[in-house]
Structure formats: C-alpha cells, structure tokens
Amino acid sequence: MSAIAEGVLVGKAAADQLADSAHMTDEERRDVLSRTFQGIKRRLGENLPMALPDGAVVTPVELTAEILKHIKRSAEQRCFNGRVFS
C-alpha cells in the first residue's frame, strides 16, 4: 500500500509505483519509499504507530481499514456497476 495525495494505492498499482521508483531521482524515490507500506498484516498484532512524511501518524489497523475500503470501492465499481453497499 502506498499513500498518495489523491488517496491510497493498493495492490498492483502500489507495486508498479514501487517498481517505477528505480527510474526516479533519489529525492523522488525517497518520497515514494517513505509512503509505501508492505507487510501490514504482520504488523497488526503490534499496532505500533507509523509516521507518514506529512507528519500524520497511522497504525497498521488504520492502514488495513484503508486497504479494505479500496477493495470495497473497487468491487462496487467493477462488479456491481457502481452500486454502493453499506
């Protein structure tokens, strides 16, 4: 998962951004890597806060919630023609 200004990248989009970082300047690469989280599932038991570059602090539980929101929105758009389920 990668936090970006427009929201959150999850899965392949986040992995692609991480792979593209090899072609970025050092500053751009540091920025991408500082906003990219891997292995969140392993950190759920610890629930230790993690800092984002903008100073915001998030926990693995909050990051997992963002990932699940993304998956839900994606499923609603792709599988249910945009119908929202609550």
N, C-alpha and C. Protein backbone atom coordinates (compact mmCIF):
# COMPACT_ATOMS: atom_id res chain seq x y z
N MET A 1 0.84 -1.17 0.00
CA MET A 1 0.00 0.00 0.00
C MET A 1 0.88 1.23 0.00
N SER A 2 0.45 2.23 -0.75
CA SER A 2 1.18 3.48 -0.81
C SER A 2 0.21 4.63 -0.62
N ALA A 3 0.52 5.53 0.27
CA ALA A 3 -0.31 6.71 0.49
C ALA A 3 0.13 7.80 -0.48
N ILE A 4 -0.81 8.35 -1.22
CA ILE A 4 -0.51 9.42 -2.16
C ILE A 4 -1.47 10.57 -1.91
N ALA A 5 -1.20 11.72 -2.51
CA ALA A 5 -2.03 12.90 -2.29
C ALA A 5 -3.49 12.63 -2.66
N GLU A 6 -3.71 11.86 -3.71
CA GLU A 6 -5.07 11.61 -4.18
C GLU A 6 -5.74 10.47 -3.41
N GLY A 7 -5.05 9.83 -2.51
CA GLY A 7 -5.64 8.73 -1.77
C GLY A 7 -4.64 7.63 -1.53
N VAL A 8 -5.07 6.41 -1.78
CA VAL A 8 -4.27 5.24 -1.46
C VAL A 8 -4.12 4.36 -2.69
N LEU A 9 -2.91 3.89 -2.93
CA LEU A 9 -2.69 2.88 -3.96
C LEU A 9 -2.55 1.54 -3.27
N VAL A 10 -3.24 0.53 -3.81
CA VAL A 10 -3.23 -0.79 -3.21
C VAL A 10 -2.92 -1.82 -4.28
N GLY A 11 -2.24 -2.88 -3.90
CA GLY A 11 -2.01 -3.99 -4.80
C GLY A 11 -1.08 -3.66 -5.94
N LYS A 12 -1.50 -4.01 -7.17
CA LYS A 12 -0.66 -3.85 -8.35
C LYS A 12 -0.26 -2.40 -8.58
N ALA A 13 -1.17 -1.47 -8.38
CA ALA A 13 -0.85 -0.05 -8.58
C ALA A 13 0.27 0.39 -7.65
N ALA A 14 0.23 -0.04 -6.39
CA ALA A 14 1.28 0.30 -5.44
C ALA A 14 2.59 -0.40 -5.81
N ALA A 15 2.49 -1.66 -6.21
CA ALA A 15 3.69 -2.40 -6.62
C ALA A 15 4.33 -1.78 -7.86
N ASP A 16 3.50 -1.35 -8.80
CA ASP A 16 4.01 -0.69 -10.01
C ASP A 16 4.73 0.61 -9.66
N GLN A 17 4.14 1.38 -8.76
CA GLN A 17 4.77 2.64 -8.35
C GLN A 17 6.11 2.35 -7.69
N LEU A 18 6.16 1.32 -6.88
CA LEU A 18 7.41 0.95 -6.23
C LEU A 18 8.45 0.50 -7.25
N ALA A 19 8.03 -0.28 -8.23
CA ALA A 19 8.95 -0.74 -9.28
C ALA A 19 9.45 0.45 -10.11
N ASP A 20 8.57 1.41 -10.37
CA ASP A 20 8.96 2.60 -11.14
C ASP A 20 9.95 3.47 -10.39
N SER A 21 10.05 3.30 -9.08
CA SER A 21 10.95 4.14 -8.30
C SER A 21 12.40 3.94 -8.70
N ALA A 22 12.71 2.84 -9.36
CA ALA A 22 14.08 2.60 -9.82
C ALA A 22 14.50 3.62 -10.89
N HIS A 23 13.52 4.22 -11.56
CA HIS A 23 13.79 5.18 -12.63
C HIS A 23 13.62 6.63 -12.17
N MET A 24 13.47 6.83 -10.87
CA MET A 24 13.24 8.17 -10.32
C MET A 24 14.55 8.76 -9.79
N THR A 25 14.49 10.05 -9.53
CA THR A 25 15.63 10.69 -8.86
C THR A 25 15.68 10.18 -7.42
N ASP A 26 16.78 10.39 -6.76
CA ASP A 26 16.92 9.94 -5.37
C ASP A 26 15.84 10.55 -4.48
N GLU A 27 15.56 11.83 -4.69
CA GLU A 27 14.55 12.50 -3.86
C GLU A 27 13.16 11.91 -4.10
N GLU A 28 12.80 11.69 -5.37
CA GLU A 28 11.50 11.09 -5.69
C GLU A 28 11.40 9.68 -5.11
N ARG A 29 12.48 8.92 -5.21
CA ARG A 29 12.50 7.54 -4.70
C ARG A 29 12.30 7.53 -3.18
N ARG A 30 13.01 8.43 -2.47
CA ARG A 30 12.85 8.51 -1.01
C ARG A 30 11.41 8.85 -0.65
N ASP A 31 10.80 9.75 -1.42
CA ASP A 31 9.41 10.14 -1.15
C ASP A 31 8.47 8.95 -1.31
N VAL A 32 8.62 8.21 -2.42
CA VAL A 32 7.77 7.04 -2.66
C VAL A 32 7.98 5.99 -1.58
N LEU A 33 9.23 5.71 -1.27
CA LEU A 33 9.52 4.67 -0.27
C LEU A 33 9.03 5.06 1.12
N SER A 34 9.04 6.35 1.44
CA SER A 34 8.58 6.78 2.77
C SER A 34 7.07 6.68 2.91
N ARG A 35 6.36 6.59 1.78
CA ARG A 35 4.89 6.49 1.83
C ARG A 35 4.40 5.10 1.47
N THR A 36 5.30 4.13 1.35
CA THR A 36 4.93 2.79 0.95
C THR A 36 5.06 1.83 2.13
N PHE A 37 4.00 1.06 2.35
CA PHE A 37 3.98 0.11 3.45
C PHE A 37 3.78 -1.29 2.90
N GLN A 38 4.59 -2.22 3.35
CA GLN A 38 4.47 -3.61 2.97
C GLN A 38 4.38 -4.44 4.25
N GLY A 39 3.75 -5.59 4.15
CA GLY A 39 3.70 -6.49 5.30
C GLY A 39 2.84 -5.97 6.44
N ILE A 40 1.81 -5.22 6.12
CA ILE A 40 0.94 -4.65 7.17
C ILE A 40 0.32 -5.75 8.02
N LYS A 41 -0.05 -6.86 7.40
CA LYS A 41 -0.70 -7.95 8.12
C LYS A 41 0.19 -8.44 9.28
N ARG A 42 1.49 -8.48 9.04
CA ARG A 42 2.42 -8.93 10.09
C ARG A 42 2.50 -7.94 11.23
N ARG A 43 2.18 -6.68 10.97
CA ARG A 43 2.29 -5.64 12.00
C ARG A 43 0.99 -5.44 12.79
N LEU A 44 -0.08 -6.12 12.41
CA LEU A 44 -1.36 -5.90 13.08
C LEU A 44 -1.30 -6.21 14.57
N GLY A 45 -0.60 -7.26 14.95
CA GLY A 45 -0.52 -7.63 16.36
C GLY A 45 0.20 -6.60 17.20
N GLU A 46 1.16 -5.91 16.61
CA GLU A 46 1.93 -4.91 17.34
C GLU A 46 1.15 -3.60 17.46
N ASN A 47 0.48 -3.23 16.36
CA ASN A 47 -0.29 -1.99 16.27
C ASN A 47 0.51 -0.76 16.68
N LEU A 48 1.80 -0.76 16.32
CA LEU A 48 2.65 0.39 16.61
C LEU A 48 2.42 1.49 15.58
N PRO A 49 2.39 2.75 16.01
CA PRO A 49 2.17 3.85 15.08
C PRO A 49 3.33 4.00 14.10
N MET A 50 2.99 4.45 12.89
CA MET A 50 3.99 4.71 11.85
C MET A 50 3.75 6.11 11.32
N ALA A 51 4.83 6.84 11.07
CA ALA A 51 4.72 8.22 10.62
C ALA A 51 4.75 8.31 9.11
N LEU A 52 3.88 9.15 8.56
CA LEU A 52 3.89 9.48 7.14
C LEU A 52 4.74 10.74 6.95
N PRO A 53 5.22 10.99 5.73
CA PRO A 53 6.07 12.17 5.50
C PRO A 53 5.42 13.49 5.89
N ASP A 54 4.09 13.57 5.82
CA ASP A 54 3.42 14.84 6.16
C ASP A 54 3.25 15.02 7.66
N GLY A 55 3.77 14.07 8.45
CA GLY A 55 3.67 14.17 9.90
C GLY A 55 2.51 13.40 10.49
N ALA A 56 1.59 12.94 9.65
CA ALA A 56 0.47 12.15 10.15
C ALA A 56 0.99 10.82 10.70
N VAL A 57 0.33 10.33 11.72
CA VAL A 57 0.70 9.05 12.32
C VAL A 57 -0.46 8.09 12.09
N VAL A 58 -0.15 6.90 11.59
CA VAL A 58 -1.16 5.88 11.33
C VAL A 58 -0.73 4.57 11.97
N THR A 59 -1.71 3.72 12.24
CA THR A 59 -1.42 2.40 12.79
C THR A 59 -1.69 1.35 11.71
N PRO A 60 -1.16 0.15 11.89
CA PRO A 60 -1.46 -0.92 10.93
C PRO A 60 -2.97 -1.16 10.78
N VAL A 61 -3.72 -1.00 11.85
CA VAL A 61 -5.18 -1.18 11.78
C VAL A 61 -5.80 -0.13 10.86
N GLU A 62 -5.35 1.12 10.97
CA GLU A 62 -5.87 2.17 10.10
C GLU A 62 -5.48 1.94 8.64
N LEU A 63 -4.26 1.48 8.41
CA LEU A 63 -3.83 1.18 7.05
C LEU A 63 -4.64 0.02 6.47
N THR A 64 -4.89 -0.98 7.28
CA THR A 64 -5.71 -2.12 6.84
C THR A 64 -7.12 -1.66 6.50
N ALA A 65 -7.67 -0.74 7.29
CA ALA A 65 -9.00 -0.19 7.00
C ALA A 65 -9.01 0.51 5.65
N GLU A 66 -7.96 1.26 5.35
CA GLU A 66 -7.87 1.94 4.04
C GLU A 66 -7.80 0.93 2.90
N ILE A 67 -7.05 -0.14 3.10
CA ILE A 67 -6.95 -1.19 2.07
C ILE A 67 -8.31 -1.82 1.85
N LEU A 68 -9.01 -2.14 2.93
CA LEU A 68 -10.34 -2.76 2.79
C LEU A 68 -11.34 -1.81 2.14
N LYS A 69 -11.28 -0.51 2.44
CA LYS A 69 -12.14 0.47 1.78
C LYS A 69 -11.88 0.48 0.27
N HIS A 70 -10.60 0.43 -0.08
CA HIS A 70 -10.23 0.42 -1.50
C HIS A 70 -10.79 -0.83 -2.19
N ILE A 71 -10.66 -1.97 -1.56
CA ILE A 71 -11.16 -3.22 -2.14
C ILE A 71 -12.68 -3.16 -2.29
N LYS A 72 -13.37 -2.62 -1.30
CA LYS A 72 -14.83 -2.50 -1.36
C LYS A 72 -15.25 -1.59 -2.51
N ARG A 73 -14.62 -0.40 -2.61
CA ARG A 73 -14.95 0.53 -3.70
C ARG A 73 -14.68 -0.10 -5.06
N SER A 74 -13.57 -0.78 -5.18
CA SER A 74 -13.21 -1.42 -6.43
C SER A 74 -14.24 -2.48 -6.81
N ALA A 75 -14.65 -3.27 -5.85
CA ALA A 75 -15.66 -4.31 -6.13
C ALA A 75 -16.99 -3.68 -6.53
N GLU A 76 -17.38 -2.62 -5.85
CA GLU A 76 -18.64 -1.95 -6.18
C GLU A 76 -18.60 -1.40 -7.60
N GLN A 77 -17.48 -0.83 -7.99
CA GLN A 77 -17.37 -0.23 -9.32
C GLN A 77 -17.30 -1.30 -10.41
N ARG A 78 -16.53 -2.32 -10.18
CA ARG A 78 -16.28 -3.32 -11.22
C ARG A 78 -17.33 -4.42 -11.29
N CYS A 79 -17.86 -4.81 -10.16
CA CYS A 79 -18.76 -5.96 -10.14
C CYS A 79 -20.23 -5.59 -10.00
N PHE A 80 -20.51 -4.42 -9.47
CA PHE A 80 -21.90 -4.06 -9.19
C PHE A 80 -22.30 -2.76 -9.86
N ASN A 81 -21.62 -2.40 -10.95
CA ASN A 81 -21.95 -1.21 -11.73
C ASN A 81 -22.07 0.06 -10.89
N GLY A 82 -21.19 0.19 -9.92
CA GLY A 82 -21.17 1.40 -9.09
C GLY A 82 -22.17 1.43 -7.97
N ARG A 83 -22.99 0.39 -7.83
CA ARG A 83 -23.96 0.34 -6.73
C ARG A 83 -23.20 0.25 -5.41
N VAL A 84 -23.51 1.13 -4.47
CA VAL A 84 -22.80 1.18 -3.19
C VAL A 84 -23.52 0.33 -2.17
N PHE A 85 -22.76 -0.48 -1.45
CA PHE A 85 -23.30 -1.32 -0.37
C PHE A 85 -22.79 -0.78 0.94
N SER A 86 -23.68 -0.66 1.92
CA SER A 86 -23.24 -0.16 3.23
C SER A 86 -23.19 -1.26 4.25
